[in-house]
C-alpha atoms as a PDB file:
ATOM      1  CA  UNK A   1     -45.265 -25.088 -47.368  1.00  0.00           C
ATOM      2  CA  UNK A   2     -47.197 -28.009 -45.617  1.00  0.00           C
ATOM      3  CA  UNK A   3     -49.264 -28.106 -48.904  1.00  0.00           C
ATOM      4  CA  UNK A   4     -49.571 -31.213 -51.360  1.00  0.00           C
ATOM      5  CA  UNK A   5     -45.893 -31.458 -52.990  1.00  0.00           C
ATOM      6  CA  UNK A   6     -45.484 -30.206 -56.297  1.00  0.00           C
ATOM      7  CA  UNK A   7     -45.724 -32.729 -58.888  1.00  0.00           C
ATOM      8  CA  UNK A   8     -42.146 -32.392 -59.571  1.00  0.00           C
ATOM      9  CA  UNK A   9     -41.333 -33.935 -56.042  1.00  0.00           C
ATOM     10  CA  UNK A  10     -43.479 -36.798 -56.804  1.00  0.00           C
ATOM     11  CA  UNK A  11     -40.812 -37.883 -59.151  1.00  0.00           C
ATOM     12  CA  UNK A  12     -38.052 -37.945 -56.732  1.00  0.00           C
ATOM     13  CA  UNK A  13     -40.110 -39.191 -53.748  1.00  0.00           C
ATOM     14  CA  UNK A  14     -38.807 -42.750 -53.706  1.00  0.00           C
ATOM     15  CA  UNK A  15     -35.283 -42.179 -54.592  1.00  0.00           C
ATOM     16  CA  UNK A  16     -35.321 -39.057 -51.886  1.00  0.00           C
ATOM     17  CA  UNK A  17     -36.789 -41.428 -49.200  1.00  0.00           C
ATOM     18  CA  UNK A  18     -33.846 -43.916 -50.422  1.00  0.00           C
ATOM     19  CA  UNK A  19     -30.998 -41.571 -49.820  1.00  0.00           C
ATOM     20  CA  UNK A  20     -32.673 -40.315 -46.501  1.00  0.00           C
ATOM     21  CA  UNK A  21     -32.822 -43.850 -45.281  1.00  0.00           C
ATOM     22  CA  UNK A  22     -29.181 -44.641 -46.283  1.00  0.00           C
ATOM     23  CA  UNK A  23     -27.909 -41.253 -44.704  1.00  0.00           C
ATOM     24  CA  UNK A  24     -29.655 -42.669 -41.580  1.00  0.00           C
ATOM     25  CA  UNK A  25     -27.879 -45.702 -41.692  1.00  0.00           C
ATOM     26  CA  UNK A  26     -24.435 -44.152 -42.382  1.00  0.00           C
ATOM     27  CA  UNK A  27     -25.049 -41.793 -39.319  1.00  0.00           C
ATOM     28  CA  UNK A  28     -25.944 -44.608 -37.136  1.00  0.00           C
ATOM     29  CA  UNK A  29     -23.122 -46.675 -38.246  1.00  0.00           C
ATOM     30  CA  UNK A  30     -20.625 -43.765 -38.039  1.00  0.00           C
ATOM     31  CA  UNK A  31     -19.685 -43.892 -41.725  1.00  0.00           C
ATOM     32  CA  UNK A  32     -18.896 -40.331 -42.289  1.00  0.00           C
ATOM     33  CA  UNK A  33     -17.905 -40.441 -45.786  1.00  0.00           C
ATOM     34  CA  UNK A  34     -21.190 -42.151 -46.848  1.00  0.00           C
ATOM     35  CA  UNK A  35     -23.463 -40.078 -45.009  1.00  0.00           C
ATOM     36  CA  UNK A  36     -22.105 -37.149 -46.774  1.00  0.00           C
ATOM     37  CA  UNK A  37     -22.510 -39.110 -50.031  1.00  0.00           C
ATOM     38  CA  UNK A  38     -26.272 -39.826 -49.225  1.00  0.00           C
ATOM     39  CA  UNK A  39     -26.638 -36.324 -47.989  1.00  0.00           C
ATOM     40  CA  UNK A  40     -25.087 -34.786 -51.591  1.00  0.00           C
ATOM     41  CA  UNK A  41     -27.351 -37.160 -53.301  1.00  0.00           C
ATOM     42  CA  UNK A  42     -30.455 -36.165 -51.436  1.00  0.00           C
ATOM     43  CA  UNK A  43     -30.096 -32.617 -52.218  1.00  0.00           C
ATOM     44  CA  UNK A  44     -29.068 -33.160 -55.770  1.00  0.00           C
ATOM     45  CA  UNK A  45     -32.396 -34.711 -56.345  1.00  0.00           C
ATOM     46  CA  UNK A  46     -33.973 -31.678 -54.707  1.00  0.00           C
ATOM     47  CA  UNK A  47     -32.186 -29.487 -56.815  1.00  0.00           C
ATOM     48  CA  UNK A  48     -33.285 -31.218 -60.118  1.00  0.00           C
ATOM     49  CA  UNK A  49     -36.761 -30.620 -59.426  1.00  0.00           C
ATOM     50  CA  UNK A  50     -36.497 -27.018 -58.008  1.00  0.00           C
ATOM     51  CA  UNK A  51     -34.510 -23.932 -58.893  1.00  0.00           C
ATOM     52  CA  UNK A  52     -32.712 -24.076 -55.661  1.00  0.00           C
ATOM     53  CA  UNK A  53     -28.958 -24.460 -54.752  1.00  0.00           C
ATOM     54  CA  UNK A  54     -28.872 -26.285 -51.432  1.00  0.00           C
ATOM     55  CA  UNK A  55     -26.096 -28.306 -50.213  1.00  0.00           C
ATOM     56  CA  UNK A  56     -25.202 -31.661 -48.453  1.00  0.00           C
ATOM     57  CA  UNK A  57     -24.304 -29.263 -45.169  1.00  0.00           C
ATOM     58  CA  UNK A  58     -27.748 -27.609 -45.601  1.00  0.00           C
ATOM     59  CA  UNK A  59     -29.211 -30.987 -45.261  1.00  0.00           C
ATOM     60  CA  UNK A  60     -27.198 -32.169 -42.590  1.00  0.00           C
ATOM     61  CA  UNK A  61     -27.492 -29.203 -40.469  1.00  0.00           C
ATOM     62  CA  UNK A  62     -31.181 -29.172 -40.945  1.00  0.00           C
ATOM     63  CA  UNK A  63     -31.473 -32.886 -39.819  1.00  0.00           C
ATOM     64  CA  UNK A  64     -29.276 -32.089 -36.714  1.00  0.00           C
ATOM     65  CA  UNK A  65     -31.632 -29.054 -35.925  1.00  0.00           C
ATOM     66  CA  UNK A  66     -34.621 -30.924 -36.306  1.00  0.00           C
ATOM     67  CA  UNK A  67     -33.285 -33.876 -34.113  1.00  0.00           C
ATOM     68  CA  UNK A  68     -32.353 -31.470 -31.309  1.00  0.00           C
ATOM     69  CA  UNK A  69     -35.933 -29.840 -31.740  1.00  0.00           C
ATOM     70  CA  UNK A  70     -38.088 -32.784 -32.074  1.00  0.00           C
ATOM     71  CA  UNK A  71     -39.306 -31.871 -35.661  1.00  0.00           C
ATOM     72  CA  UNK A  72     -40.917 -34.474 -38.239  1.00  0.00           C
ATOM     73  CA  UNK A  73     -39.126 -35.356 -41.204  1.00  0.00           C
ATOM     74  CA  UNK A  74     -41.610 -33.041 -43.233  1.00  0.00           C
ATOM     75  CA  UNK A  75     -41.119 -30.006 -40.938  1.00  0.00           C
ATOM     76  CA  UNK A  76     -37.145 -30.522 -41.650  1.00  0.00           C
ATOM     77  CA  UNK A  77     -37.877 -30.472 -45.026  1.00  0.00           C
ATOM     78  CA  UNK A  78     -39.981 -27.770 -45.112  1.00  0.00           C
ATOM     79  CA  UNK A  79     -37.138 -25.462 -43.368  1.00  0.00           C
ATOM     80  CA  UNK A  80     -34.595 -26.811 -45.957  1.00  0.00           C
ATOM     81  CA  UNK A  81     -36.867 -25.624 -48.810  1.00  0.00           C
ATOM     82  CA  UNK A  82     -37.473 -22.554 -47.125  1.00  0.00           C
ATOM     83  CA  UNK A  83     -33.722 -21.866 -46.583  1.00  0.00           C
ATOM     84  CA  UNK A  84     -33.071 -22.526 -50.326  1.00  0.00           C
ATOM     85  CA  UNK A  85     -35.888 -20.075 -51.426  1.00  0.00           C
ATOM     86  CA  UNK A  86     -34.953 -17.418 -49.042  1.00  0.00           C
ATOM     87  CA  UNK A  87     -31.196 -17.846 -50.706  1.00  0.00           C
ATOM     88  CA  UNK A  88     -32.556 -17.575 -54.212  1.00  0.00           C
ATOM     89  CA  UNK A  89     -34.902 -14.672 -53.549  1.00  0.00           C
ATOM     90  CA  UNK A  90     -32.100 -12.619 -51.858  1.00  0.00           C
ATOM     91  CA  UNK A  91     -29.547 -13.655 -54.882  1.00  0.00           C
ATOM     92  CA  UNK A  92     -32.466 -12.473 -57.309  1.00  0.00           C
ATOM     93  CA  UNK A  93     -33.010  -9.079 -55.464  1.00  0.00           C
ATOM     94  CA  UNK A  94     -36.725 -10.302 -54.479  1.00  0.00           C
ATOM     95  CA  UNK A  95     -35.784 -10.191 -50.847  1.00  0.00           C
ATOM     96  CA  UNK A  96     -33.453  -7.639 -49.434  1.00  0.00           C
ATOM     97  CA  UNK A  97     -32.098  -8.059 -45.996  1.00  0.00           C
ATOM     98  CA  UNK A  98     -30.501  -4.826 -44.540  1.00  0.00           C
ATOM     99  CA  UNK A  99     -29.741  -3.987 -40.596  1.00  0.00           C
ATOM    100  CA  UNK A 100     -31.661  -7.055 -39.593  1.00  0.00           C
ATOM    101  CA  UNK A 101     -34.831  -6.192 -41.644  1.00  0.00           C
ATOM    102  CA  UNK A 102     -36.178  -8.239 -44.633  1.00  0.00           C
ATOM    103  CA  UNK A 103     -38.163  -6.726 -47.307  1.00  0.00           C
ATOM    104  CA  UNK A 104     -39.718  -8.143 -50.514  1.00  0.00           C
ATOM    105  CA  UNK A 105     -39.348  -6.021 -53.677  1.00  0.00           C
ATOM    106  CA  UNK A 106     -42.264  -7.805 -55.436  1.00  0.00           C
ATOM    107  CA  UNK A 107     -45.993  -7.469 -54.620  1.00  0.00           C
ATOM    108  CA  UNK A 108     -47.580 -10.892 -53.127  1.00  0.00           C
ATOM    109  CA  UNK A 109     -49.207 -12.351 -56.223  1.00  0.00           C
ATOM    110  CA  UNK A 110     -45.726 -12.085 -58.131  1.00  0.00           C
ATOM    111  CA  UNK A 111     -43.978 -13.434 -54.776  1.00  0.00           C
ATOM    112  CA  UNK A 112     -46.197 -16.108 -54.702  1.00  0.00           C
ATOM    113  CA  UNK A 113     -45.878 -17.243 -58.227  1.00  0.00           C
ATOM    114  CA  UNK A 114     -41.760 -16.917 -58.025  1.00  0.00           C
ATOM    115  CA  UNK A 115     -41.612 -18.871 -54.960  1.00  0.00           C
ATOM    116  CA  UNK A 116     -44.057 -21.695 -56.597  1.00  0.00           C
ATOM    117  CA  UNK A 117     -41.692 -21.378 -59.674  1.00  0.00           C
ATOM    118  CA  UNK A 118     -38.658 -21.986 -57.455  1.00  0.00           C
ATOM    119  CA  UNK A 119     -40.075 -25.074 -55.738  1.00  0.00           C
ATOM    120  CA  UNK A 120     -40.892 -26.688 -59.203  1.00  0.00           C
ATOM    121  CA  UNK A 121     -44.676 -26.036 -58.864  1.00  0.00           C
ATOM    122  CA  UNK A 122     -45.550 -24.491 -62.318  1.00  0.00           C
ATOM    123  CA  UNK A 123     -48.921 -23.540 -63.422  1.00  0.00           C
ATOM    124  CA  UNK A 124     -49.151 -26.329 -65.836  1.00  0.00           C
ATOM    125  CA  UNK A 125     -47.618 -29.797 -65.097  1.00  0.00           C
ATOM    126  CA  UNK A 126     -45.194 -30.574 -68.043  1.00  0.00           C
ATOM    127  CA  UNK A 127     -46.164 -34.400 -67.367  1.00  0.00           C
ATOM    128  CA  UNK A 128     -49.673 -33.760 -68.194  1.00  0.00           C
ATOM    129  CA  UNK A 129     -48.667 -33.890 -71.759  1.00  0.00           C
ATOM    130  CA  UNK A 130     -49.206 -37.521 -72.705  1.00  0.00           C
ATOM    131  CA  UNK A 131     -46.229 -37.613 -74.887  1.00  0.00           C
ATOM    132  CA  UNK A 132     -43.894 -37.177 -71.689  1.00  0.00           C
ATOM    133  CA  UNK A 133     -45.846 -39.920 -69.783  1.00  0.00           C
ATOM    134  CA  UNK A 134     -45.524 -42.456 -72.728  1.00  0.00           C
ATOM    135  CA  UNK A 135     -41.596 -41.395 -72.743  1.00  0.00           C
ATOM    136  CA  UNK A 136     -41.441 -42.183 -68.877  1.00  0.00           C
ATOM    137  CA  UNK A 137     -43.451 -45.321 -68.930  1.00  0.00           C
ATOM    138  CA  UNK A 138     -41.283 -47.085 -71.646  1.00  0.00           C
END
């Protein structure tokens, strides 16, 4: 998942960075309630541009595990997205986990397309339509 971010992630890049910085400050300042608020806001942004259902707890656990293992911010985000994709694939029946074994129920080309769509990376970028760009620029 270390590829170029989907165009949809470009829409939330700055607000997401702001929430992550706020989360960092809240954690360092021992403000638990504010940390949870920033985590909820951050995953809400991610969920808006994807078809995932991540939670604040997912983000906080991912950040903790990432800090303990020395992962970069991008690696933590990638792991978070992988978790969200895995959950959605299981919920859709595309990924079946039984007795510790995972099996995909779709062929690779269909699976790749489904994962890309879950991550908000559609074949066509809706913002490519000049009408949307004019509306967003207004």
